[in-house]
Amino acid sequence: MKADVEQVLPRKKEIILYASLAEHQRNFQDHLLNKTLETYLQEKGNTGRGIKGKLINSMMQLWKNCNHPDLLESAFDGSCTSLGKMLENFAV
């Protein structure tokens, strides 16, 4: 109940930690900002089954790069199986 909630809480402590990007992430970020990531990944050989579209939302791509650069690269390396292929594998 409301009466069970602590009435006097200590002041909130905020800790800000800054982390630098790894070399791999820095390369992706540079190419994202220059709009050359597709070309970079093609040269690197990560084309998979072909690129199925443009990188539309630059902010989302930068966010993915900060969280984990493999989120960007997996779209190009063919590791994502299409729904049709997955259904074929489950067909009896």
PDB file of N, CA and C in Angstrom:
ATOM      1  N   MET A   1       0.819  -1.174   0.000  1.00  0.00           N
ATOM      2  CA  MET A   1       0.000   0.000   0.000  1.00  0.00           C
ATOM      3  C   MET A   1       0.872   1.250   0.000  1.00  0.00           C
ATOM      4  N   LYS A   2       0.234   2.362  -0.159  1.00  0.00           N
ATOM      5  CA  LYS A   2       0.953   3.627  -0.213  1.00  0.00           C
ATOM      6  C   LYS A   2       1.665   3.920   1.104  1.00  0.00           C
ATOM      7  N   ALA A   3       1.108   3.477   2.213  1.00  0.00           N
ATOM      8  CA  ALA A   3       1.717   3.728   3.527  1.00  0.00           C
ATOM      9  C   ALA A   3       3.011   2.942   3.704  1.00  0.00           C
ATOM     10  N   ASP A   4       3.186   1.859   2.920  1.00  0.00           N
ATOM     11  CA  ASP A   4       4.379   1.023   3.038  1.00  0.00           C
ATOM     12  C   ASP A   4       5.576   1.583   2.271  1.00  0.00           C
ATOM     13  N   VAL A   5       5.359   2.594   1.471  1.00  0.00           N
ATOM     14  CA  VAL A   5       6.441   3.169   0.667  1.00  0.00           C
ATOM     15  C   VAL A   5       7.284   4.092   1.537  1.00  0.00           C
ATOM     16  N   GLU A   6       8.583   3.993   1.363  1.00  0.00           N
ATOM     17  CA  GLU A   6       9.513   4.839   2.125  1.00  0.00           C
ATOM     18  C   GLU A   6       9.215   6.311   1.839  1.00  0.00           C
ATOM     19  N   GLN A   7       9.096   7.085   2.881  1.00  0.00           N
ATOM     20  CA  GLN A   7       8.752   8.497   2.745  1.00  0.00           C
ATOM     21  C   GLN A   7       9.972   9.367   2.459  1.00  0.00           C
ATOM     22  N   VAL A   8      11.112   9.008   3.007  1.00  0.00           N
ATOM     23  CA  VAL A   8      12.314   9.816   2.830  1.00  0.00           C
ATOM     24  C   VAL A   8      13.342   8.969   2.077  1.00  0.00           C
ATOM     25  N   LEU A   9      13.498   9.250   0.812  1.00  0.00           N
ATOM     26  CA  LEU A   9      14.452   8.513  -0.008  1.00  0.00           C
ATOM     27  C   LEU A   9      15.746   9.309  -0.123  1.00  0.00           C
ATOM     28  N   PRO A  10      16.881   8.615  -0.206  1.00  0.00           N
ATOM     29  CA  PRO A  10      18.141   9.346  -0.399  1.00  0.00           C
ATOM     30  C   PRO A  10      18.171   9.975  -1.792  1.00  0.00           C
ATOM     31  N   ARG A  11      19.018  10.990  -1.949  1.00  0.00           N
ATOM     32  CA  ARG A  11      19.154  11.649  -3.247  1.00  0.00           C
ATOM     33  C   ARG A  11      19.648  10.648  -4.279  1.00  0.00           C
ATOM     34  N   LYS A  12      19.135  10.809  -5.467  1.00  0.00           N
ATOM     35  CA  LYS A  12      19.535   9.934  -6.556  1.00  0.00           C
ATOM     36  C   LYS A  12      20.977  10.245  -6.948  1.00  0.00           C
ATOM     37  N   LYS A  13      21.746   9.203  -7.175  1.00  0.00           N
ATOM     38  CA  LYS A  13      23.133   9.374  -7.600  1.00  0.00           C
ATOM     39  C   LYS A  13      23.224   8.957  -9.066  1.00  0.00           C
ATOM     40  N   GLU A  14      23.719   9.851  -9.892  1.00  0.00           N
ATOM     41  CA  GLU A  14      23.855   9.570 -11.315  1.00  0.00           C
ATOM     42  C   GLU A  14      25.332   9.420 -11.645  1.00  0.00           C
ATOM     43  N   ILE A  15      25.670   8.320 -12.279  1.00  0.00           N
ATOM     44  CA  ILE A  15      27.052   8.060 -12.681  1.00  0.00           C
ATOM     45  C   ILE A  15      27.078   7.957 -14.201  1.00  0.00           C
ATOM     46  N   ILE A  16      27.888   8.783 -14.824  1.00  0.00           N
ATOM     47  CA  ILE A  16      28.016   8.781 -16.278  1.00  0.00           C
ATOM     48  C   ILE A  16      29.369   8.179 -16.634  1.00  0.00           C
ATOM     49  N   LEU A  17      29.329   7.134 -17.446  1.00  0.00           N
ATOM     50  CA  LEU A  17      30.551   6.486 -17.912  1.00  0.00           C
ATOM     51  C   LEU A  17      30.659   6.684 -19.421  1.00  0.00           C
ATOM     52  N   TYR A  18      31.792   7.144 -19.861  1.00  0.00           N
ATOM     53  CA  TYR A  18      32.035   7.326 -21.285  1.00  0.00           C
ATOM     54  C   TYR A  18      32.924   6.189 -21.776  1.00  0.00           C
ATOM     55  N   ALA A  19      32.541   5.595 -22.885  1.00  0.00           N
ATOM     56  CA  ALA A  19      33.324   4.507 -23.471  1.00  0.00           C
ATOM     57  C   ALA A  19      33.630   4.869 -24.918  1.00  0.00           C
ATOM     58  N   SER A  20      34.841   4.614 -25.324  1.00  0.00           N
ATOM     59  CA  SER A  20      35.207   4.901 -26.711  1.00  0.00           C
ATOM     60  C   SER A  20      34.821   3.711 -27.589  1.00  0.00           C
ATOM     61  N   LEU A  21      34.655   3.983 -28.877  1.00  0.00           N
ATOM     62  CA  LEU A  21      34.300   2.935 -29.820  1.00  0.00           C
ATOM     63  C   LEU A  21      35.509   2.061 -30.111  1.00  0.00           C
ATOM     64  N   ALA A  22      35.264   0.798 -30.353  1.00  0.00           N
ATOM     65  CA  ALA A  22      36.319  -0.101 -30.807  1.00  0.00           C
ATOM     66  C   ALA A  22      36.655   0.267 -32.256  1.00  0.00           C
ATOM     67  N   GLU A  23      37.790  -0.187 -32.738  1.00  0.00           N
ATOM     68  CA  GLU A  23      38.225   0.130 -34.103  1.00  0.00           C
ATOM     69  C   GLU A  23      37.171  -0.310 -35.125  1.00  0.00           C
ATOM     70  N   HIS A  24      36.621  -1.489 -34.938  1.00  0.00           N
ATOM     71  CA  HIS A  24      35.597  -2.040 -35.825  1.00  0.00           C
ATOM     72  C   HIS A  24      34.370  -1.119 -35.848  1.00  0.00           C
ATOM     73  N   GLN A  25      33.941  -0.658 -34.685  1.00  0.00           N
ATOM     74  CA  GLN A  25      32.798   0.246 -34.588  1.00  0.00           C
ATOM     75  C   GLN A  25      33.110   1.603 -35.202  1.00  0.00           C
ATOM     76  N   ARG A  26      34.334   2.086 -35.000  1.00  0.00           N
ATOM     77  CA  ARG A  26      34.729   3.383 -35.550  1.00  0.00           C
ATOM     78  C   ARG A  26      34.684   3.341 -37.081  1.00  0.00           C
ATOM     79  N   ASN A  27      35.150   2.226 -37.681  1.00  0.00           N
ATOM     80  CA  ASN A  27      35.084   2.086 -39.139  1.00  0.00           C
ATOM     81  C   ASN A  27      33.642   2.132 -39.623  1.00  0.00           C
ATOM     82  N   PHE A  28      32.762   1.375 -38.950  1.00  0.00           N
ATOM     83  CA  PHE A  28      31.356   1.386 -39.330  1.00  0.00           C
ATOM     84  C   PHE A  28      30.761   2.780 -39.193  1.00  0.00           C
ATOM     85  N   GLN A  29      31.077   3.467 -38.109  1.00  0.00           N
ATOM     86  CA  GLN A  29      30.511   4.799 -37.886  1.00  0.00           C
ATOM     87  C   GLN A  29      30.959   5.762 -38.978  1.00  0.00           C
ATOM     88  N   ASP A  30      32.238   5.726 -39.327  1.00  0.00           N
ATOM     89  CA  ASP A  30      32.734   6.604 -40.393  1.00  0.00           C
ATOM     90  C   ASP A  30      31.999   6.335 -41.704  1.00  0.00           C
ATOM     91  N   HIS A  31      31.824   5.055 -42.027  1.00  0.00           N
ATOM     92  CA  HIS A  31      31.141   4.713 -43.274  1.00  0.00           C
ATOM     93  C   HIS A  31      29.653   5.050 -43.216  1.00  0.00           C
ATOM     94  N   LEU A  32      29.034   4.902 -42.046  1.00  0.00           N
ATOM     95  CA  LEU A  32      27.628   5.292 -41.909  1.00  0.00           C
ATOM     96  C   LEU A  32      27.451   6.784 -42.129  1.00  0.00           C
ATOM     97  N   LEU A  33      28.310   7.574 -41.512  1.00  0.00           N
ATOM     98  CA  LEU A  33      28.201   9.025 -41.634  1.00  0.00           C
ATOM     99  C   LEU A  33      28.498   9.498 -43.050  1.00  0.00           C
ATOM    100  N   ASN A  34      29.393   8.796 -43.754  1.00  0.00           N
ATOM    101  CA  ASN A  34      29.729   9.155 -45.136  1.00  0.00           C
ATOM    102  C   ASN A  34      28.811   8.482 -46.151  1.00  0.00           C
ATOM    103  N   LYS A  35      27.843   7.686 -45.647  1.00  0.00           N
ATOM    104  CA  LYS A  35      26.905   6.946 -46.497  1.00  0.00           C
ATOM    105  C   LYS A  35      27.632   6.013 -47.459  1.00  0.00           C
ATOM    106  N   THR A  36      28.685   5.362 -46.979  1.00  0.00           N
ATOM    107  CA  THR A  36      29.455   4.430 -47.807  1.00  0.00           C
ATOM    108  C   THR A  36      29.520   3.037 -47.186  1.00  0.00           C
ATOM    109  N   LEU A  37      28.633   2.734 -46.242  1.00  0.00           N
ATOM    110  CA  LEU A  37      28.706   1.438 -45.563  1.00  0.00           C
ATOM    111  C   LEU A  37      28.446   0.282 -46.513  1.00  0.00           C
ATOM    112  N   GLU A  38      27.461   0.416 -47.406  1.00  0.00           N
ATOM    113  CA  GLU A  38      27.162  -0.666 -48.339  1.00  0.00           C
ATOM    114  C   GLU A  38      28.382  -1.001 -49.188  1.00  0.00           C
ATOM    115  N   THR A  39      29.035   0.026 -49.723  1.00  0.00           N
ATOM    116  CA  THR A  39      30.230  -0.183 -50.542  1.00  0.00           C
ATOM    117  C   THR A  39      31.334  -0.828 -49.722  1.00  0.00           C
ATOM    118  N   TYR A  40      31.522  -0.356 -48.501  1.00  0.00           N
ATOM    119  CA  TYR A  40      32.550  -0.905 -47.605  1.00  0.00           C
ATOM    120  C   TYR A  40      32.310  -2.389 -47.346  1.00  0.00           C
ATOM    121  N   LEU A  41      31.066  -2.774 -47.056  1.00  0.00           N
ATOM    122  CA  LEU A  41      30.773  -4.174 -46.772  1.00  0.00           C
ATOM    123  C   LEU A  41      30.883  -5.037 -48.021  1.00  0.00           C
ATOM    124  N   GLN A  42      30.546  -4.472 -49.184  1.00  0.00           N
ATOM    125  CA  GLN A  42      30.706  -5.225 -50.428  1.00  0.00           C
ATOM    126  C   GLN A  42      32.180  -5.488 -50.701  1.00  0.00           C
ATOM    127  N   GLU A  43      33.027  -4.476 -50.510  1.00  0.00           N
ATOM    128  CA  GLU A  43      34.465  -4.639 -50.714  1.00  0.00           C
ATOM    129  C   GLU A  43      35.044  -5.651 -49.735  1.00  0.00           C
ATOM    130  N   LYS A  44      34.482  -5.661 -48.527  1.00  0.00           N
ATOM    131  CA  LYS A  44      34.934  -6.581 -47.495  1.00  0.00           C
ATOM    132  C   LYS A  44      34.481  -8.013 -47.776  1.00  0.00           C
ATOM    133  N   GLY A  45      33.542  -8.154 -48.699  1.00  0.00           N
ATOM    134  CA  GLY A  45      33.057  -9.484 -49.051  1.00  0.00           C
ATOM    135  C   GLY A  45      31.853  -9.926 -48.250  1.00  0.00           C
ATOM    136  N   ASN A  46      31.184  -9.032 -47.566  1.00  0.00           N
ATOM    137  CA  ASN A  46      30.021  -9.380 -46.747  1.00  0.00           C
ATOM    138  C   ASN A  46      28.727  -9.064 -47.485  1.00  0.00           C
ATOM    139  N   THR A  47      28.588  -9.554 -48.699  1.00  0.00           N
ATOM    140  CA  THR A  47      27.388  -9.248 -49.468  1.00  0.00           C
ATOM    141  C   THR A  47      26.304 -10.287 -49.280  1.00  0.00           C
ATOM    142  N   GLY A  48      26.645 -11.492 -48.868  1.00  0.00           N
ATOM    143  CA  GLY A  48      25.642 -12.534 -48.655  1.00  0.00           C
ATOM    144  C   GLY A  48      24.867 -12.780 -49.925  1.00  0.00           C
ATOM    145  N   ARG A  49      23.551 -12.738 -49.853  1.00  0.00           N
ATOM    146  CA  ARG A  49      22.688 -12.956 -51.009  1.00  0.00           C
ATOM    147  C   ARG A  49      22.355 -11.651 -51.704  1.00  0.00           C
ATOM    148  N   GLY A  50      23.108 -10.636 -51.470  1.00  0.00           N
ATOM    149  CA  GLY A  50      22.840  -9.335 -52.079  1.00  0.00           C
ATOM    150  C   GLY A  50      22.224  -8.389 -51.076  1.00  0.00           C
ATOM    151  N   ILE A  51      22.406  -7.136 -51.298  1.00  0.00           N
ATOM    152  CA  ILE A  51      21.874  -6.125 -50.383  1.00  0.00           C
ATOM    153  C   ILE A  51      20.428  -5.869 -50.768  1.00  0.00           C
ATOM    154  N   LYS A  52      19.522  -6.008 -49.818  1.00  0.00           N
ATOM    155  CA  LYS A  52      18.084  -5.899 -50.087  1.00  0.00           C
ATOM    156  C   LYS A  52      17.534  -4.542 -49.706  1.00  0.00           C
ATOM    157  N   GLY A  53      18.247  -3.507 -49.961  1.00  0.00           N
ATOM    158  CA  GLY A  53      17.724  -2.183 -49.652  1.00  0.00           C
ATOM    159  C   GLY A  53      18.806  -1.257 -49.166  1.00  0.00           C
ATOM    160  N   LYS A  54      18.474  -0.045 -49.054  1.00  0.00           N
ATOM    161  CA  LYS A  54      19.413   0.986 -48.597  1.00  0.00           C
ATOM    162  C   LYS A  54      19.342   1.136 -47.092  1.00  0.00           C
ATOM    163  N   LEU A  55      20.384   1.672 -46.524  1.00  0.00           N
ATOM    164  CA  LEU A  55      20.348   2.010 -45.103  1.00  0.00           C
ATOM    165  C   LEU A  55      19.580   3.315 -44.985  1.00  0.00           C
ATOM    166  N   ILE A  56      18.332   3.201 -44.564  1.00  0.00           N
ATOM    167  CA  ILE A  56      17.422   4.347 -44.595  1.00  0.00           C
ATOM    168  C   ILE A  56      17.585   5.236 -43.378  1.00  0.00           C
ATOM    169  N   ASN A  57      17.589   4.647 -42.217  1.00  0.00           N
ATOM    170  CA  ASN A  57      17.572   5.436 -40.992  1.00  0.00           C
ATOM    171  C   ASN A  57      18.967   5.482 -40.377  1.00  0.00           C
ATOM    172  N   SER A  58      19.708   6.529 -40.662  1.00  0.00           N
ATOM    173  CA  SER A  58      21.094   6.634 -40.193  1.00  0.00           C
ATOM    174  C   SER A  58      21.206   6.617 -38.675  1.00  0.00           C
ATOM    175  N   MET A  59      20.292   7.256 -37.992  1.00  0.00           N
ATOM    176  CA  MET A  59      20.362   7.268 -36.528  1.00  0.00           C
ATOM    177  C   MET A  59      20.195   5.866 -35.954  1.00  0.00           C
ATOM    178  N   MET A  60      19.291   5.071 -36.521  1.00  0.00           N
ATOM    179  CA  MET A  60      19.090   3.703 -36.052  1.00  0.00           C
ATOM    180  C   MET A  60      20.345   2.876 -36.308  1.00  0.00           C
ATOM    181  N   GLN A  61      20.988   3.095 -37.445  1.00  0.00           N
ATOM    182  CA  GLN A  61      22.199   2.348 -37.760  1.00  0.00           C
ATOM    183  C   GLN A  61      23.335   2.728 -36.812  1.00  0.00           C
ATOM    184  N   LEU A  62      23.440   4.013 -36.485  1.00  0.00           N
ATOM    185  CA  LEU A  62      24.461   4.441 -35.524  1.00  0.00           C
ATOM    186  C   LEU A  62      24.185   3.843 -34.151  1.00  0.00           C
ATOM    187  N   TRP A  63      22.917   3.764 -33.776  1.00  0.00           N
ATOM    188  CA  TRP A  63      22.540   3.167 -32.497  1.00  0.00           C
ATOM    189  C   TRP A  63      22.931   1.693 -32.473  1.00  0.00           C
ATOM    190  N   LYS A  64      22.660   0.983 -33.577  1.00  0.00           N
ATOM    191  CA  LYS A  64      23.042  -0.429 -33.662  1.00  0.00           C
ATOM    192  C   LYS A  64      24.556  -0.574 -33.546  1.00  0.00           C
ATOM    193  N   ASN A  65      25.291   0.324 -34.201  1.00  0.00           N
ATOM    194  CA  ASN A  65      26.748   0.265 -34.153  1.00  0.00           C
ATOM    195  C   ASN A  65      27.253   0.422 -32.730  1.00  0.00           C
ATOM    196  N   CYS A  66      26.663   1.340 -31.975  1.00  0.00           N
ATOM    197  CA  CYS A  66      27.093   1.547 -30.588  1.00  0.00           C
ATOM    198  C   CYS A  66      26.765   0.343 -29.722  1.00  0.00           C
ATOM    199  N   ASN A  67      25.603  -0.268 -29.934  1.00  0.00           N
ATOM    200  CA  ASN A  67      25.218  -1.419 -29.124  1.00  0.00           C
ATOM    201  C   ASN A  67      26.025  -2.655 -29.481  1.00  0.00           C
ATOM    202  N   HIS A  68      26.092  -2.964 -30.756  1.00  0.00           N
ATOM    203  CA  HIS A  68      26.885  -4.110 -31.191  1.00  0.00           C
ATOM    204  C   HIS A  68      27.030  -4.056 -32.701  1.00  0.00           C
ATOM    205  N   PRO A  69      28.247  -3.931 -33.217  1.00  0.00           N
ATOM    206  CA  PRO A  69      28.443  -3.781 -34.661  1.00  0.00           C
ATOM    207  C   PRO A  69      27.969  -4.984 -35.467  1.00  0.00           C
ATOM    208  N   ASP A  70      27.847  -6.163 -34.845  1.00  0.00           N
ATOM    209  CA  ASP A  70      27.364  -7.326 -35.580  1.00  0.00           C
ATOM    210  C   ASP A  70      25.914  -7.158 -36.017  1.00  0.00           C
ATOM    211  N   LEU A  71      25.170  -6.260 -35.371  1.00  0.00           N
ATOM    212  CA  LEU A  71      23.802  -5.996 -35.799  1.00  0.00           C
ATOM    213  C   LEU A  71      23.785  -5.403 -37.201  1.00  0.00           C
ATOM    214  N   LEU A  72      24.814  -4.670 -37.570  1.00  0.00           N
ATOM    215  CA  LEU A  72      24.908  -4.096 -38.914  1.00  0.00           C
ATOM    216  C   LEU A  72      25.409  -5.128 -39.906  1.00  0.00           C
ATOM    217  N   GLU A  73      26.446  -5.826 -39.536  1.00  0.00           N
ATOM    218  CA  GLU A  73      27.118  -6.725 -40.462  1.00  0.00           C
ATOM    219  C   GLU A  73      26.278  -7.949 -40.792  1.00  0.00           C
ATOM    220  N   SER A  74      25.465  -8.430 -39.860  1.00  0.00           N
ATOM    221  CA  SER A  74      24.696  -9.649 -40.096  1.00  0.00           C
ATOM    222  C   SER A  74      23.692  -9.483 -41.230  1.00  0.00           C
ATOM    223  N   ALA A  75      23.259  -8.265 -41.490  1.00  0.00           N
ATOM    224  CA  ALA A  75      22.332  -8.042 -42.595  1.00  0.00           C
ATOM    225  C   ALA A  75      23.006  -8.283 -43.938  1.00  0.00           C
ATOM    226  N   PHE A  76      24.314  -8.271 -43.982  1.00  0.00           N
ATOM    227  CA  PHE A  76      25.043  -8.400 -45.233  1.00  0.00           C
ATOM    228  C   PHE A  76      25.766  -9.736 -45.384  1.00  0.00           C
ATOM    229  N   ASP A  77      25.876 -10.518 -44.308  1.00  0.00           N
ATOM    230  CA  ASP A  77      26.681 -11.733 -44.400  1.00  0.00           C
ATOM    231  C   ASP A  77      25.874 -12.980 -44.727  1.00  0.00           C
ATOM    232  N   GLY A  78      24.569 -12.829 -44.956  1.00  0.00           N
ATOM    233  CA  GLY A  78      23.747 -13.966 -45.329  1.00  0.00           C
ATOM    234  C   GLY A  78      23.357 -14.843 -44.160  1.00  0.00           C
ATOM    235  N   SER A  79      23.636 -14.432 -42.936  1.00  0.00           N
ATOM    236  CA  SER A  79      23.337 -15.267 -41.779  1.00  0.00           C
ATOM    237  C   SER A  79      21.858 -15.252 -41.429  1.00  0.00           C
ATOM    238  N   CYS A  80      21.118 -14.277 -41.911  1.00  0.00           N
ATOM    239  CA  CYS A  80      19.678 -14.227 -41.641  1.00  0.00           C
ATOM    240  C   CYS A  80      18.965 -15.059 -42.699  1.00  0.00           C
ATOM    241  N   THR A  81      18.301 -16.106 -42.267  1.00  0.00           N
ATOM    242  CA  THR A  81      17.599 -16.993 -43.176  1.00  0.00           C
ATOM    243  C   THR A  81      16.220 -16.419 -43.473  1.00  0.00           C
ATOM    244  N   SER A  82      15.814 -16.514 -44.718  1.00  0.00           N
ATOM    245  CA  SER A  82      14.496 -16.005 -45.081  1.00  0.00           C
ATOM    246  C   SER A  82      13.415 -16.914 -44.513  1.00  0.00           C
ATOM    247  N   LEU A  83      12.229 -16.373 -44.332  1.00  0.00           N
ATOM    248  CA  LEU A  83      11.112 -17.137 -43.785  1.00  0.00           C
ATOM    249  C   LEU A  83      10.787 -18.322 -44.685  1.00  0.00           C
ATOM    250  N   GLY A  84      10.834 -18.116 -45.992  1.00  0.00           N
ATOM    251  CA  GLY A  84      10.548 -19.205 -46.929  1.00  0.00           C
ATOM    252  C   GLY A  84      11.503 -20.371 -46.764  1.00  0.00           C
ATOM    253  N   LYS A  85      12.776 -20.065 -46.603  1.00  0.00           N
ATOM    254  CA  LYS A  85      13.781 -21.121 -46.437  1.00  0.00           C
ATOM    255  C   LYS A  85      13.569 -21.859 -45.114  1.00  0.00           C
ATOM    256  N   MET A  86      13.218 -21.127 -44.062  1.00  0.00           N
ATOM    257  CA  MET A  86      12.961 -21.770 -42.773  1.00  0.00           C
ATOM    258  C   MET A  86      11.754 -22.697 -42.881  1.00  0.00           C
ATOM    259  N   LEU A  87      10.702 -22.273 -43.596  1.00  0.00           N
ATOM    260  CA  LEU A  87       9.516 -23.111 -43.760  1.00  0.00           C
ATOM    261  C   LEU A  87       9.827 -24.367 -44.561  1.00  0.00           C
ATOM    262  N   GLU A  88      10.698 -24.251 -45.569  1.00  0.00           N
ATOM    263  CA  GLU A  88      11.107 -25.424 -46.345  1.00  0.00           C
ATOM    264  C   GLU A  88      11.794 -26.451 -45.454  1.00  0.00           C
ATOM    265  N   ASN A  89      12.616 -25.983 -44.527  1.00  0.00           N
ATOM    266  CA  ASN A  89      13.336 -26.890 -43.636  1.00  0.00           C
ATOM    267  C   ASN A  89      12.402 -27.625 -42.684  1.00  0.00           C
ATOM    268  N   PHE A  90      11.253 -27.015 -42.356  1.00  0.00           N
ATOM    269  CA  PHE A  90      10.312 -27.640 -41.432  1.00  0.00           C
ATOM    270  C   PHE A  90       9.256 -28.476 -42.144  1.00  0.00           C
ATOM    271  N   ALA A  91       9.214 -28.411 -43.473  1.00  0.00           N
ATOM    272  CA  ALA A  91       8.216 -29.180 -44.219  1.00  0.00           C
ATOM    273  C   ALA A  91       8.485 -30.672 -44.060  1.00  0.00           C
ATOM    274  N   VAL A  92       7.410 -31.429 -43.926  1.00  0.00           N
ATOM    275  CA  VAL A  92       7.547 -32.880 -43.718  1.00  0.00           C
ATOM    276  C   VAL A  92       7.506 -33.599 -45.025  1.00  0.00           C
TER     277      VAL A  92
END
